[in-house]
PDB file of N, CA and C in Angstrom:
ATOM      1  N   UNK A   1     156.178 -83.132   8.427  1.00  0.00           N
ATOM      2  CA  UNK A   1     156.006 -82.705   9.774  1.00  0.00           C
ATOM      3  C   UNK A   1     154.825 -83.578  10.303  1.00  0.00           C
ATOM      4  N   UNK A   2     154.992 -83.859  11.593  1.00  0.00           N
ATOM      5  CA  UNK A   2     153.949 -84.910  12.138  1.00  0.00           C
ATOM      6  C   UNK A   2     153.518 -84.473  13.565  1.00  0.00           C
ATOM      7  N   UNK A   3     152.247 -84.595  13.742  1.00  0.00           N
ATOM      8  CA  UNK A   3     151.653 -84.211  15.065  1.00  0.00           C
ATOM      9  C   UNK A   3     150.821 -85.369  15.529  1.00  0.00           C
ATOM     10  N   UNK A   4     150.967 -85.848  16.736  1.00  0.00           N
ATOM     11  CA  UNK A   4     150.196 -86.934  17.198  1.00  0.00           C
ATOM     12  C   UNK A   4     148.870 -86.436  17.857  1.00  0.00           C
ATOM     13  N   UNK A   5     147.811 -87.063  17.528  1.00  0.00           N
ATOM     14  CA  UNK A   5     146.507 -86.684  18.087  1.00  0.00           C
ATOM     15  C   UNK A   5     146.263 -87.676  19.190  1.00  0.00           C
ATOM     16  N   UNK A   6     146.162 -87.221  20.485  1.00  0.00           N
ATOM     17  CA  UNK A   6     145.898 -88.056  21.636  1.00  0.00           C
ATOM     18  C   UNK A   6     144.515 -87.931  22.192  1.00  0.00           C
ATOM     19  N   UNK A   7     143.857 -89.003  22.492  1.00  0.00           N
ATOM     20  CA  UNK A   7     142.495 -89.029  23.036  1.00  0.00           C
ATOM     21  C   UNK A   7     141.498 -88.184  22.165  1.00  0.00           C
ATOM     22  N   UNK A   8     141.685 -88.319  20.909  1.00  0.00           N
ATOM     23  CA  UNK A   8     140.821 -87.660  19.977  1.00  0.00           C
ATOM     24  C   UNK A   8     140.737 -86.075  20.163  1.00  0.00           C
ATOM     25  N   UNK A   9     141.809 -85.532  20.725  1.00  0.00           N
ATOM     26  CA  UNK A   9     141.765 -84.030  21.000  1.00  0.00           C
ATOM     27  C   UNK A   9     142.543 -83.344  19.778  1.00  0.00           C
ATOM     28  N   UNK A  10     141.722 -83.046  18.908  1.00  0.00           N
ATOM     29  CA  UNK A  10     142.173 -82.392  17.590  1.00  0.00           C
ATOM     30  C   UNK A  10     142.571 -81.018  17.840  1.00  0.00           C
ATOM     31  N   UNK A  11     141.892 -80.283  18.732  1.00  0.00           N
ATOM     32  CA  UNK A  11     142.202 -78.919  19.031  1.00  0.00           C
ATOM     33  C   UNK A  11     143.687 -78.839  19.666  1.00  0.00           C
ATOM     34  N   UNK A  12     144.023 -79.643  20.470  1.00  0.00           N
ATOM     35  CA  UNK A  12     145.424 -79.686  21.008  1.00  0.00           C
ATOM     36  C   UNK A  12     146.420 -80.015  19.985  1.00  0.00           C
ATOM     37  N   UNK A  13     146.095 -80.900  19.113  1.00  0.00           N
ATOM     38  CA  UNK A  13     146.965 -81.305  18.039  1.00  0.00           C
ATOM     39  C   UNK A  13     147.141 -80.108  17.074  1.00  0.00           C
ATOM     40  N   UNK A  14     146.119 -79.438  16.760  1.00  0.00           N
ATOM     41  CA  UNK A  14     146.148 -78.290  15.865  1.00  0.00           C
ATOM     42  C   UNK A  14     147.073 -77.185  16.425  1.00  0.00           C
ATOM     43  N   UNK A  15     146.952 -76.988  17.723  1.00  0.00           N
ATOM     44  CA  UNK A  15     147.741 -76.039  18.419  1.00  0.00           C
ATOM     45  C   UNK A  15     149.198 -76.355  18.379  1.00  0.00           C
ATOM     46  N   UNK A  16     149.453 -77.648  18.556  1.00  0.00           N
ATOM     47  CA  UNK A  16     150.925 -78.092  18.460  1.00  0.00           C
ATOM     48  C   UNK A  16     151.450 -77.987  17.018  1.00  0.00           C
ATOM     49  N   UNK A  17     150.574 -78.227  15.979  1.00  0.00           N
ATOM     50  CA  UNK A  17     150.974 -78.052  14.655  1.00  0.00           C
ATOM     51  C   UNK A  17     151.318 -76.611  14.270  1.00  0.00           C
ATOM     52  N   UNK A  18     150.418 -75.636  14.731  1.00  0.00           N
ATOM     53  CA  UNK A  18     150.621 -74.220  14.515  1.00  0.00           C
ATOM     54  C   UNK A  18     151.934 -73.865  15.105  1.00  0.00           C
ATOM     55  N   UNK A  19     152.200 -74.244  16.360  1.00  0.00           N
ATOM     56  CA  UNK A  19     153.470 -73.927  17.026  1.00  0.00           C
ATOM     57  C   UNK A  19     154.646 -74.382  16.246  1.00  0.00           C
ATOM     58  N   UNK A  20     154.596 -75.674  15.735  1.00  0.00           N
ATOM     59  CA  UNK A  20     155.715 -76.172  14.950  1.00  0.00           C
ATOM     60  C   UNK A  20     155.822 -75.348  13.620  1.00  0.00           C
ATOM     61  N   UNK A  21     154.840 -75.029  13.030  1.00  0.00           N
ATOM     62  CA  UNK A  21     154.878 -74.244  11.743  1.00  0.00           C
ATOM     63  C   UNK A  21     155.504 -72.887  11.990  1.00  0.00           C
ATOM     64  N   UNK A  22     155.072 -72.290  13.080  1.00  0.00           N
ATOM     65  CA  UNK A  22     155.569 -70.998  13.491  1.00  0.00           C
ATOM     66  C   UNK A  22     157.069 -70.969  13.642  1.00  0.00           C
ATOM     67  N   UNK A  23     157.469 -72.027  14.446  1.00  0.00           N
ATOM     68  CA  UNK A  23     158.982 -72.114  14.742  1.00  0.00           C
ATOM     69  C   UNK A  23     159.777 -72.383  13.398  1.00  0.00           C
ATOM     70  N   UNK A  24     159.225 -73.124  12.546  1.00  0.00           N
ATOM     71  CA  UNK A  24     159.870 -73.322  11.249  1.00  0.00           C
ATOM     72  C   UNK A  24     159.852 -72.176  10.312  1.00  0.00           C
ATOM     73  N   UNK A  25     159.032 -71.239  10.571  1.00  0.00           N
ATOM     74  CA  UNK A  25     158.949 -70.016   9.714  1.00  0.00           C
ATOM     75  C   UNK A  25     158.141 -70.161   8.515  1.00  0.00           C
ATOM     76  N   UNK A  26     157.178 -71.165   8.524  1.00  0.00           N
ATOM     77  CA  UNK A  26     156.331 -71.390   7.341  1.00  0.00           C
ATOM     78  C   UNK A  26     155.374 -70.276   7.120  1.00  0.00           C
ATOM     79  N   UNK A  27     154.821 -69.651   8.144  1.00  0.00           N
ATOM     80  CA  UNK A  27     153.883 -68.594   7.969  1.00  0.00           C
ATOM     81  C   UNK A  27     154.541 -67.328   7.400  1.00  0.00           C
ATOM     82  N   UNK A  28     155.804 -67.135   7.920  1.00  0.00           N
ATOM     83  CA  UNK A  28     156.461 -65.875   7.367  1.00  0.00           C
ATOM     84  C   UNK A  28     156.824 -66.154   5.875  1.00  0.00           C
ATOM     85  N   UNK A  29     157.202 -67.348   5.526  1.00  0.00           N
ATOM     86  CA  UNK A  29     157.506 -67.740   4.119  1.00  0.00           C
ATOM     87  C   UNK A  29     156.306 -67.565   3.269  1.00  0.00           C
ATOM     88  N   UNK A  30     155.103 -68.029   3.675  1.00  0.00           N
ATOM     89  CA  UNK A  30     153.861 -67.854   2.926  1.00  0.00           C
ATOM     90  C   UNK A  30     153.499 -66.335   2.769  1.00  0.00           C
ATOM     91  N   UNK A  31     153.757 -65.559   3.853  1.00  0.00           N
ATOM     92  CA  UNK A  31     153.466 -64.101   3.721  1.00  0.00           C
ATOM     93  C   UNK A  31     154.371 -63.400   2.678  1.00  0.00           C
ATOM     94  N   UNK A  32     155.666 -63.823   2.696  1.00  0.00           N
ATOM     95  CA  UNK A  32     156.555 -63.211   1.829  1.00  0.00           C
ATOM     96  C   UNK A  32     156.285 -63.708   0.338  1.00  0.00           C
ATOM     97  N   UNK A  33     155.805 -64.829   0.119  1.00  0.00           N
ATOM     98  CA  UNK A  33     155.537 -65.370  -1.215  1.00  0.00           C
ATOM     99  C   UNK A  33     154.174 -64.886  -1.774  1.00  0.00           C
ATOM    100  N   UNK A  34     153.460 -64.125  -1.000  1.00  0.00           N
ATOM    101  CA  UNK A  34     152.130 -63.756  -1.448  1.00  0.00           C
ATOM    102  C   UNK A  34     152.246 -62.670  -2.513  1.00  0.00           C
ATOM    103  N   UNK A  35     153.313 -62.011  -2.511  1.00  0.00           N
ATOM    104  CA  UNK A  35     153.458 -60.918  -3.593  1.00  0.00           C
ATOM    105  C   UNK A  35     154.976 -60.849  -4.028  1.00  0.00           C
ATOM    106  N   UNK A  36     155.212 -60.238  -5.150  1.00  0.00           N
ATOM    107  CA  UNK A  36     156.595 -60.168  -5.614  1.00  0.00           C
ATOM    108  C   UNK A  36     157.317 -59.117  -4.803  1.00  0.00           C
ATOM    109  N   UNK A  37     158.530 -59.561  -4.486  1.00  0.00           N
ATOM    110  CA  UNK A  37     159.473 -58.607  -3.779  1.00  0.00           C
ATOM    111  C   UNK A  37     160.628 -58.256  -4.617  1.00  0.00           C
ATOM    112  N   UNK A  38     160.766 -56.985  -4.910  1.00  0.00           N
ATOM    113  CA  UNK A  38     161.922 -56.566  -5.776  1.00  0.00           C
ATOM    114  C   UNK A  38     163.186 -56.953  -5.117  1.00  0.00           C
ATOM    115  N   UNK A  39     164.274 -57.286  -5.944  1.00  0.00           N
ATOM    116  CA  UNK A  39     165.636 -57.681  -5.347  1.00  0.00           C
ATOM    117  C   UNK A  39     166.133 -56.666  -4.425  1.00  0.00           C
ATOM    118  N   UNK A  40     165.988 -55.443  -4.706  1.00  0.00           N
ATOM    119  CA  UNK A  40     166.538 -54.319  -3.812  1.00  0.00           C
ATOM    120  C   UNK A  40     165.809 -54.421  -2.427  1.00  0.00           C
ATOM    121  N   UNK A  41     164.495 -54.668  -2.573  1.00  0.00           N
ATOM    122  CA  UNK A  41     163.739 -54.710  -1.237  1.00  0.00           C
ATOM    123  C   UNK A  41     164.064 -55.947  -0.428  1.00  0.00           C
ATOM    124  N   UNK A  42     164.333 -57.067  -1.108  1.00  0.00           N
ATOM    125  CA  UNK A  42     164.742 -58.292  -0.557  1.00  0.00           C
ATOM    126  C   UNK A  42     166.109 -58.161   0.110  1.00  0.00           C
ATOM    127  N   UNK A  43     167.051 -57.524  -0.471  1.00  0.00           N
ATOM    128  CA  UNK A  43     168.369 -57.290   0.154  1.00  0.00           C
ATOM    129  C   UNK A  43     168.181 -56.414   1.375  1.00  0.00           C
ATOM    130  N   UNK A  44     167.380 -55.331   1.248  1.00  0.00           N
ATOM    131  CA  UNK A  44     167.184 -54.367   2.439  1.00  0.00           C
ATOM    132  C   UNK A  44     166.558 -55.175   3.573  1.00  0.00           C
ATOM    133  N   UNK A  45     165.487 -56.015   3.310  1.00  0.00           N
ATOM    134  CA  UNK A  45     164.809 -56.811   4.315  1.00  0.00           C
ATOM    135  C   UNK A  45     165.831 -57.771   5.003  1.00  0.00           C
ATOM    136  N   UNK A  46     166.658 -58.480   4.114  1.00  0.00           N
ATOM    137  CA  UNK A  46     167.575 -59.444   4.755  1.00  0.00           C
ATOM    138  C   UNK A  46     168.645 -58.734   5.568  1.00  0.00           C
ATOM    139  N   UNK A  47     169.139 -57.594   5.126  1.00  0.00           N
ATOM    140  CA  UNK A  47     170.065 -56.847   5.899  1.00  0.00           C
ATOM    141  C   UNK A  47     169.500 -56.366   7.191  1.00  0.00           C
ATOM    142  N   UNK A  48     168.293 -55.860   7.174  1.00  0.00           N
ATOM    143  CA  UNK A  48     167.570 -55.413   8.402  1.00  0.00           C
ATOM    144  C   UNK A  48     167.390 -56.627   9.378  1.00  0.00           C
ATOM    145  N   UNK A  49     167.078 -57.748   8.820  1.00  0.00           N
ATOM    146  CA  UNK A  49     166.869 -58.978   9.698  1.00  0.00           C
ATOM    147  C   UNK A  49     168.151 -59.377  10.327  1.00  0.00           C
ATOM    148  N   UNK A  50     169.291 -59.228   9.517  1.00  0.00           N
ATOM    149  CA  UNK A  50     170.580 -59.647  10.043  1.00  0.00           C
ATOM    150  C   UNK A  50     171.020 -58.726  11.224  1.00  0.00           C
ATOM    151  N   UNK A  51     170.726 -57.399  10.957  1.00  0.00           N
ATOM    152  CA  UNK A  51     171.081 -56.459  11.972  1.00  0.00           C
ATOM    153  C   UNK A  51     170.379 -56.704  13.217  1.00  0.00           C
ATOM    154  N   UNK A  52     169.023 -57.000  13.111  1.00  0.00           N
ATOM    155  CA  UNK A  52     168.109 -57.264  14.275  1.00  0.00           C
ATOM    156  C   UNK A  52     168.696 -58.548  15.002  1.00  0.00           C
ATOM    157  N   UNK A  53     169.061 -59.535  14.244  1.00  0.00           N
ATOM    158  CA  UNK A  53     169.559 -60.765  14.905  1.00  0.00           C
ATOM    159  C   UNK A  53     170.882 -60.475  15.648  1.00  0.00           C
ATOM    160  N   UNK A  54     171.801 -59.676  15.052  1.00  0.00           N
ATOM    161  CA  UNK A  54     173.010 -59.490  15.701  1.00  0.00           C
ATOM    162  C   UNK A  54     172.872 -58.627  16.943  1.00  0.00           C
ATOM    163  N   UNK A  55     171.973 -57.656  16.924  1.00  0.00           N
ATOM    164  CA  UNK A  55     171.746 -56.810  18.100  1.00  0.00           C
ATOM    165  C   UNK A  55     171.166 -57.708  19.144  1.00  0.00           C
ATOM    166  N   UNK A  56     170.255 -58.535  18.791  1.00  0.00           N
ATOM    167  CA  UNK A  56     169.535 -59.418  19.802  1.00  0.00           C
ATOM    168  C   UNK A  56     170.617 -60.300  20.487  1.00  0.00           C
ATOM    169  N   UNK A  57     171.518 -60.861  19.587  1.00  0.00           N
ATOM    170  CA  UNK A  57     172.519 -61.728  20.124  1.00  0.00           C
ATOM    171  C   UNK A  57     173.538 -60.966  21.031  1.00  0.00           C
ATOM    172  N   UNK A  58     173.887 -59.729  20.682  1.00  0.00           N
ATOM    173  CA  UNK A  58     174.788 -58.895  21.537  1.00  0.00           C
ATOM    174  C   UNK A  58     174.092 -58.538  22.864  1.00  0.00           C
ATOM    175  N   UNK A  59     172.799 -58.242  22.823  1.00  0.00           N
ATOM    176  CA  UNK A  59     171.991 -57.939  24.024  1.00  0.00           C
ATOM    177  C   UNK A  59     171.968 -59.098  24.901  1.00  0.00           C
ATOM    178  N   UNK A  60     171.707 -60.309  24.449  1.00  0.00           N
ATOM    179  CA  UNK A  60     171.651 -61.505  25.218  1.00  0.00           C
ATOM    180  C   UNK A  60     172.987 -61.832  25.866  1.00  0.00           C
ATOM    181  N   UNK A  61     174.033 -61.613  25.078  1.00  0.00           N
ATOM    182  CA  UNK A  61     175.394 -61.906  25.581  1.00  0.00           C
ATOM    183  C   UNK A  61     175.706 -60.864  26.737  1.00  0.00           C
ATOM    184  N   UNK A  62     175.412 -59.622  26.593  1.00  0.00           N
ATOM    185  CA  UNK A  62     175.579 -58.641  27.593  1.00  0.00           C
ATOM    186  C   UNK A  62     174.853 -58.912  28.808  1.00  0.00           C
ATOM    187  N   UNK A  63     173.572 -59.447  28.726  1.00  0.00           N
ATOM    188  CA  UNK A  63     172.786 -59.772  29.836  1.00  0.00           C
ATOM    189  C   UNK A  63     173.401 -60.968  30.575  1.00  0.00           C
ATOM    190  N   UNK A  64     173.899 -62.010  29.841  1.00  0.00           N
ATOM    191  CA  UNK A  64     174.527 -63.128  30.534  1.00  0.00           C
ATOM    192  C   UNK A  64     175.810 -62.728  31.179  1.00  0.00           C
ATOM    193  N   UNK A  65     176.494 -61.729  30.646  1.00  0.00           N
ATOM    194  CA  UNK A  65     177.775 -61.385  31.354  1.00  0.00           C
ATOM    195  C   UNK A  65     177.419 -60.339  32.483  1.00  0.00           C
ATOM    196  N   UNK A  66     176.286 -59.939  32.663  1.00  0.00           N
ATOM    197  CA  UNK A  66     175.860 -59.024  33.727  1.00  0.00           C
ATOM    198  C   UNK A  66     176.160 -57.546  33.395  1.00  0.00           C
ATOM    199  N   UNK A  67     176.484 -57.221  32.209  1.00  0.00           N
ATOM    200  CA  UNK A  67     176.736 -55.785  31.842  1.00  0.00           C
ATOM    201  C   UNK A  67     175.459 -55.009  31.856  1.00  0.00           C
ATOM    202  N   UNK A  68     174.340 -55.606  31.436  1.00  0.00           N
ATOM    203  CA  UNK A  68     173.101 -54.828  31.490  1.00  0.00           C
ATOM    204  C   UNK A  68     172.021 -55.666  32.156  1.00  0.00           C
ATOM    205  N   UNK A  69     171.129 -55.069  32.979  1.00  0.00           N
ATOM    206  CA  UNK A  69     170.115 -55.864  33.564  1.00  0.00           C
ATOM    207  C   UNK A  69     169.106 -56.222  32.564  1.00  0.00           C
ATOM    208  N   UNK A  70     168.404 -57.273  32.726  1.00  0.00           N
ATOM    209  CA  UNK A  70     167.306 -57.733  31.949  1.00  0.00           C
ATOM    210  C   UNK A  70     167.132 -59.212  32.011  1.00  0.00           C
ATOM    211  N   UNK A  71     166.415 -59.730  31.059  1.00  0.00           N
ATOM    212  CA  UNK A  71     165.959 -61.086  31.075  1.00  0.00           C
ATOM    213  C   UNK A  71     164.773 -61.261  31.849  1.00  0.00           C
ATOM    214  N   UNK A  72     164.517 -62.564  32.154  1.00  0.00           N
ATOM    215  CA  UNK A  72     163.276 -62.869  32.895  1.00  0.00           C
ATOM    216  C   UNK A  72     163.596 -62.887  34.416  1.00  0.00           C
ATOM    217  N   UNK A  73     162.600 -62.605  35.139  1.00  0.00           N
ATOM    218  CA  UNK A  73     162.792 -62.597  36.567  1.00  0.00           C
ATOM    219  C   UNK A  73     162.311 -63.919  37.108  1.00  0.00           C
TER     220      UNK A  73
END
């Protein structure tokens, strides 16, 4: 991963790096690896994440089709 520092502005480069790491899911991965997760807990978490993703996708699709109001104004 690479971030360009322009005009010696390290704060802005750090902000960009944090944003990239957040998008990649590095912070979530570090948090999950901090402690041991039982296989049953891991399956339950992954299933809950999948349900959340599918609901979010269905909600966005319904918003695009105009079935439910929402989105940004």
